[in-house]
Amino acid sequence: MKVGVVSDSHGEMENLQKAARWLVENQKVEVIFHLGDNYDDTCVLENLGVRIIKVPGVFSSYYQDIDIMNRVVETFDGRKVLITHTECCHENDLPGDINPEELVSENAIYFVFYGHTHIPRIGQKHGVLYINPGHLKTEDKKGYPPTVAVVDFKEQIQVTIFDLMGKAIQSRTFK
């Protein structure tokens, strides 16, 4: 199964639409994670024919809505993944929000998918894979171009971060 991952669209609907179409049409993803900022941007993802899993950004009013999950744990090909805007607890967390650090220390998850920093990253610590797809802003003060991630869940997991032209800028394979 292939999953597309986007984050920090910040109202850049054209970039989000372009990225999502490319993920579905060219990468053949079956699921898209939207990791926050901005929660309402996901309306452009609704008619793509793929499952959408979304979480709000920590400064969004949705983050304080008890009816919306700020962090989600899902299982893909037998591997539990955390879908979140931040890789760790945040001061805006609600009581009862999933604690990423606890999940990692208990070896309860295999992946942490997060955004917030706008910095594309494929990393590993404490045996957990950390994936940040970057952001979708046309211009960003941190100097990184708009990017998305594709995760191919197979026996060996392939994680690739692409720019919006489809050029791979980071790629790693994990067992």
Protein backbone atom coordinates (compact mmCIF):
# COMPACT_ATOMS: atom_id res chain seq x y z
CA MET A 1 0.00 0.00 0.00
CA LYS A 2 1.18 3.50 -0.82
CA VAL A 3 0.43 6.52 1.34
CA GLY A 4 0.87 10.18 0.40
CA VAL A 5 1.74 12.65 3.15
CA VAL A 6 1.26 16.43 3.07
CA SER A 7 1.51 19.08 5.75
CA ASP A 8 1.39 22.78 6.40
CA SER A 9 -0.66 23.81 3.38
CA HIS A 10 -1.47 27.18 5.05
CA GLY A 11 -4.20 28.06 2.55
CA GLU A 12 -2.05 27.27 -0.50
CA MET A 13 -4.95 25.45 -2.14
CA GLU A 14 -3.39 25.34 -5.61
CA ASN A 15 -0.23 23.65 -4.30
CA LEU A 16 -2.28 21.25 -2.16
CA GLN A 17 -4.48 20.31 -5.13
CA LYS A 18 -1.48 19.88 -7.42
CA ALA A 19 0.33 17.74 -4.85
CA ALA A 20 -2.73 15.59 -4.13
CA ARG A 21 -3.49 15.00 -7.81
CA TRP A 22 0.14 14.04 -8.42
CA LEU A 23 0.11 11.66 -5.44
CA VAL A 24 -3.06 9.94 -6.67
CA GLU A 25 -2.40 9.93 -10.41
CA ASN A 26 1.37 9.41 -10.56
CA GLN A 27 2.22 7.67 -7.29
CA LYS A 28 -1.07 5.71 -7.06
CA VAL A 29 -1.49 6.36 -3.33
CA GLU A 30 -4.55 4.88 -1.64
CA VAL A 31 -4.49 7.16 1.40
CA ILE A 32 -3.41 10.77 1.99
CA PHE A 33 -2.42 12.08 5.43
CA HIS A 34 -2.83 15.84 5.93
CA LEU A 35 -0.83 16.79 9.02
CA GLY A 36 -2.35 20.16 9.80
CA ASP A 37 -2.15 23.84 9.11
CA ASN A 38 -4.79 24.35 7.77
CA TYR A 39 -7.47 21.82 8.65
CA ASP A 40 -10.09 23.34 6.32
CA ASP A 41 -7.72 23.11 3.34
CA THR A 42 -8.53 19.41 3.15
CA CYS A 43 -11.83 20.23 1.42
CA VAL A 44 -9.91 20.10 -1.90
CA LEU A 45 -8.98 16.46 -1.18
CA GLU A 46 -12.54 15.18 -0.84
CA ASN A 47 -13.20 14.07 -4.44
CA LEU A 48 -9.94 12.25 -5.16
CA GLY A 49 -11.30 8.75 -4.52
CA VAL A 50 -8.77 7.99 -1.77
CA ARG A 51 -9.05 7.86 2.00
CA ILE A 52 -8.08 11.12 3.75
CA ILE A 53 -6.79 11.15 7.34
CA LYS A 54 -6.34 14.63 8.75
CA VAL A 55 -5.30 16.27 11.99
CA PRO A 56 -5.34 19.97 12.91
CA GLY A 57 -2.33 22.20 13.52
CA VAL A 58 -1.60 23.11 17.15
CA PHE A 59 -2.60 26.77 16.75
CA SER A 60 -5.87 25.98 14.96
CA SER A 61 -9.18 26.44 16.73
CA TYR A 62 -9.92 22.85 15.70
CA TYR A 63 -7.09 21.72 17.99
CA GLN A 64 -9.20 22.79 20.97
CA ASP A 65 -12.31 20.95 19.70
CA ILE A 66 -12.78 17.81 21.80
CA ASP A 67 -14.69 16.17 18.93
CA ILE A 68 -11.65 16.29 16.62
CA MET A 69 -8.70 13.97 17.16
CA ASN A 70 -5.44 15.92 17.43
CA ARG A 71 -3.43 12.73 16.96
CA VAL A 72 -4.46 9.49 15.33
CA VAL A 73 -2.97 5.99 15.50
CA GLU A 74 -3.66 3.77 12.48
CA THR A 75 -2.30 0.45 11.29
CA PHE A 76 -0.91 -0.02 7.79
CA ASP A 77 0.32 -3.43 6.67
CA GLY A 78 0.64 -4.49 10.32
CA ARG A 79 2.61 -1.41 11.37
CA LYS A 80 1.14 1.14 13.77
CA VAL A 81 1.68 4.76 12.78
CA LEU A 82 1.08 8.02 14.62
CA ILE A 83 -0.41 10.84 12.55
CA THR A 84 0.16 14.20 14.27
CA HIS A 85 1.06 17.82 13.65
CA THR A 86 3.95 17.80 16.16
CA GLU A 87 6.38 15.00 16.89
CA CYS A 88 6.04 15.48 20.65
CA CYS A 89 3.58 16.87 23.18
CA HIS A 90 2.64 20.52 22.80
CA GLU A 91 1.41 23.13 25.28
CA ASN A 92 -1.88 23.33 23.34
CA ASP A 93 -2.61 19.61 23.77
CA LEU A 94 -5.92 18.73 25.34
CA PRO A 95 -6.20 16.44 28.36
CA GLY A 96 -6.43 12.93 26.99
CA ASP A 97 -4.54 13.65 23.76
CA ILE A 98 -2.26 10.83 22.66
CA ASN A 99 1.25 11.31 24.05
CA PRO A 100 3.82 10.69 21.26
CA GLU A 101 6.71 10.26 23.68
CA GLU A 102 4.85 7.51 25.58
CA LEU A 103 4.07 5.64 22.37
CA VAL A 104 7.73 5.78 21.35
CA SER A 105 9.06 4.74 24.76
CA GLU A 106 6.60 1.81 24.88
CA ASN A 107 7.57 0.72 21.34
CA ALA A 108 3.86 0.99 20.52
CA ILE A 109 4.37 2.57 17.07
CA TYR A 110 6.60 2.11 14.06
CA PHE A 111 6.21 5.56 12.46
CA VAL A 112 5.61 9.15 13.54
CA PHE A 113 4.23 11.28 10.71
CA TYR A 114 4.42 14.95 11.70
CA GLY A 115 4.61 18.45 10.24
CA HIS A 116 4.86 21.82 12.01
CA THR A 117 8.56 22.54 11.35
CA HIS A 118 8.21 22.94 7.55
CA ILE A 119 11.48 20.98 7.24
CA PRO A 120 11.34 17.80 5.13
CA ARG A 121 12.92 14.93 7.06
CA ILE A 122 13.24 11.17 7.01
CA GLY A 123 14.84 10.00 10.23
CA GLN A 124 14.94 7.31 12.85
CA LYS A 125 15.37 7.44 16.61
CA HIS A 126 14.70 4.88 19.32
CA GLY A 127 13.76 2.41 16.56
CA VAL A 128 10.90 4.63 15.35
CA LEU A 129 10.80 6.21 11.88
CA TYR A 130 10.05 9.95 11.85
CA ILE A 131 8.70 11.39 8.61
CA ASN A 132 8.06 15.10 8.00
CA PRO A 133 6.90 15.80 4.44
CA GLY A 134 7.81 19.50 4.71
CA HIS A 135 5.26 22.14 3.69
CA LEU A 136 3.22 23.32 0.70
CA LYS A 137 3.80 27.06 0.87
CA THR A 138 4.99 28.72 -2.33
CA GLU A 139 7.52 30.65 -0.26
CA ASP A 140 8.69 29.72 3.21
CA LYS A 141 11.02 31.63 5.50
CA LYS A 142 13.04 28.49 6.28
CA GLY A 143 14.15 28.21 2.65
CA TYR A 144 12.78 24.75 1.78
CA PRO A 145 10.67 24.28 -1.35
CA PRO A 146 7.15 22.82 -1.14
CA THR A 147 7.37 19.03 -0.73
CA VAL A 148 5.32 15.88 -0.13
CA ALA A 149 6.20 12.38 1.04
CA VAL A 150 5.31 8.98 -0.35
CA VAL A 151 5.54 5.88 1.81
CA ASP A 152 5.38 2.48 0.14
CA PHE A 153 4.49 -0.10 2.79
CA LYS A 154 6.08 -3.33 1.65
CA GLU A 155 8.40 -5.83 3.30
CA GLN A 156 11.03 -3.13 2.90
CA ILE A 157 9.49 0.30 3.43
CA GLN A 158 10.44 2.97 0.90
CA VAL A 159 10.05 6.60 2.02
CA THR A 160 10.64 9.36 -0.52
CA ILE A 161 10.18 13.12 -0.27
CA PHE A 162 9.43 14.85 -3.57
CA ASP A 163 9.26 18.48 -4.62
CA LEU A 164 6.13 19.59 -6.48
CA MET A 165 7.82 18.92 -9.82
CA GLY A 166 8.08 15.24 -8.90
CA LYS A 167 11.83 15.27 -8.25
CA ALA A 168 12.96 13.07 -5.36
CA ILE A 169 14.94 15.11 -2.84
CA GLN A 170 15.27 12.52 -0.05
CA SER A 171 14.77 8.78 -0.07
CA ARG A 172 15.42 5.97 2.39
CA THR A 173 14.58 2.29 2.64
CA PHE A 174 13.82 0.57 5.95
CA LYS A 175 13.17 -3.04 6.91
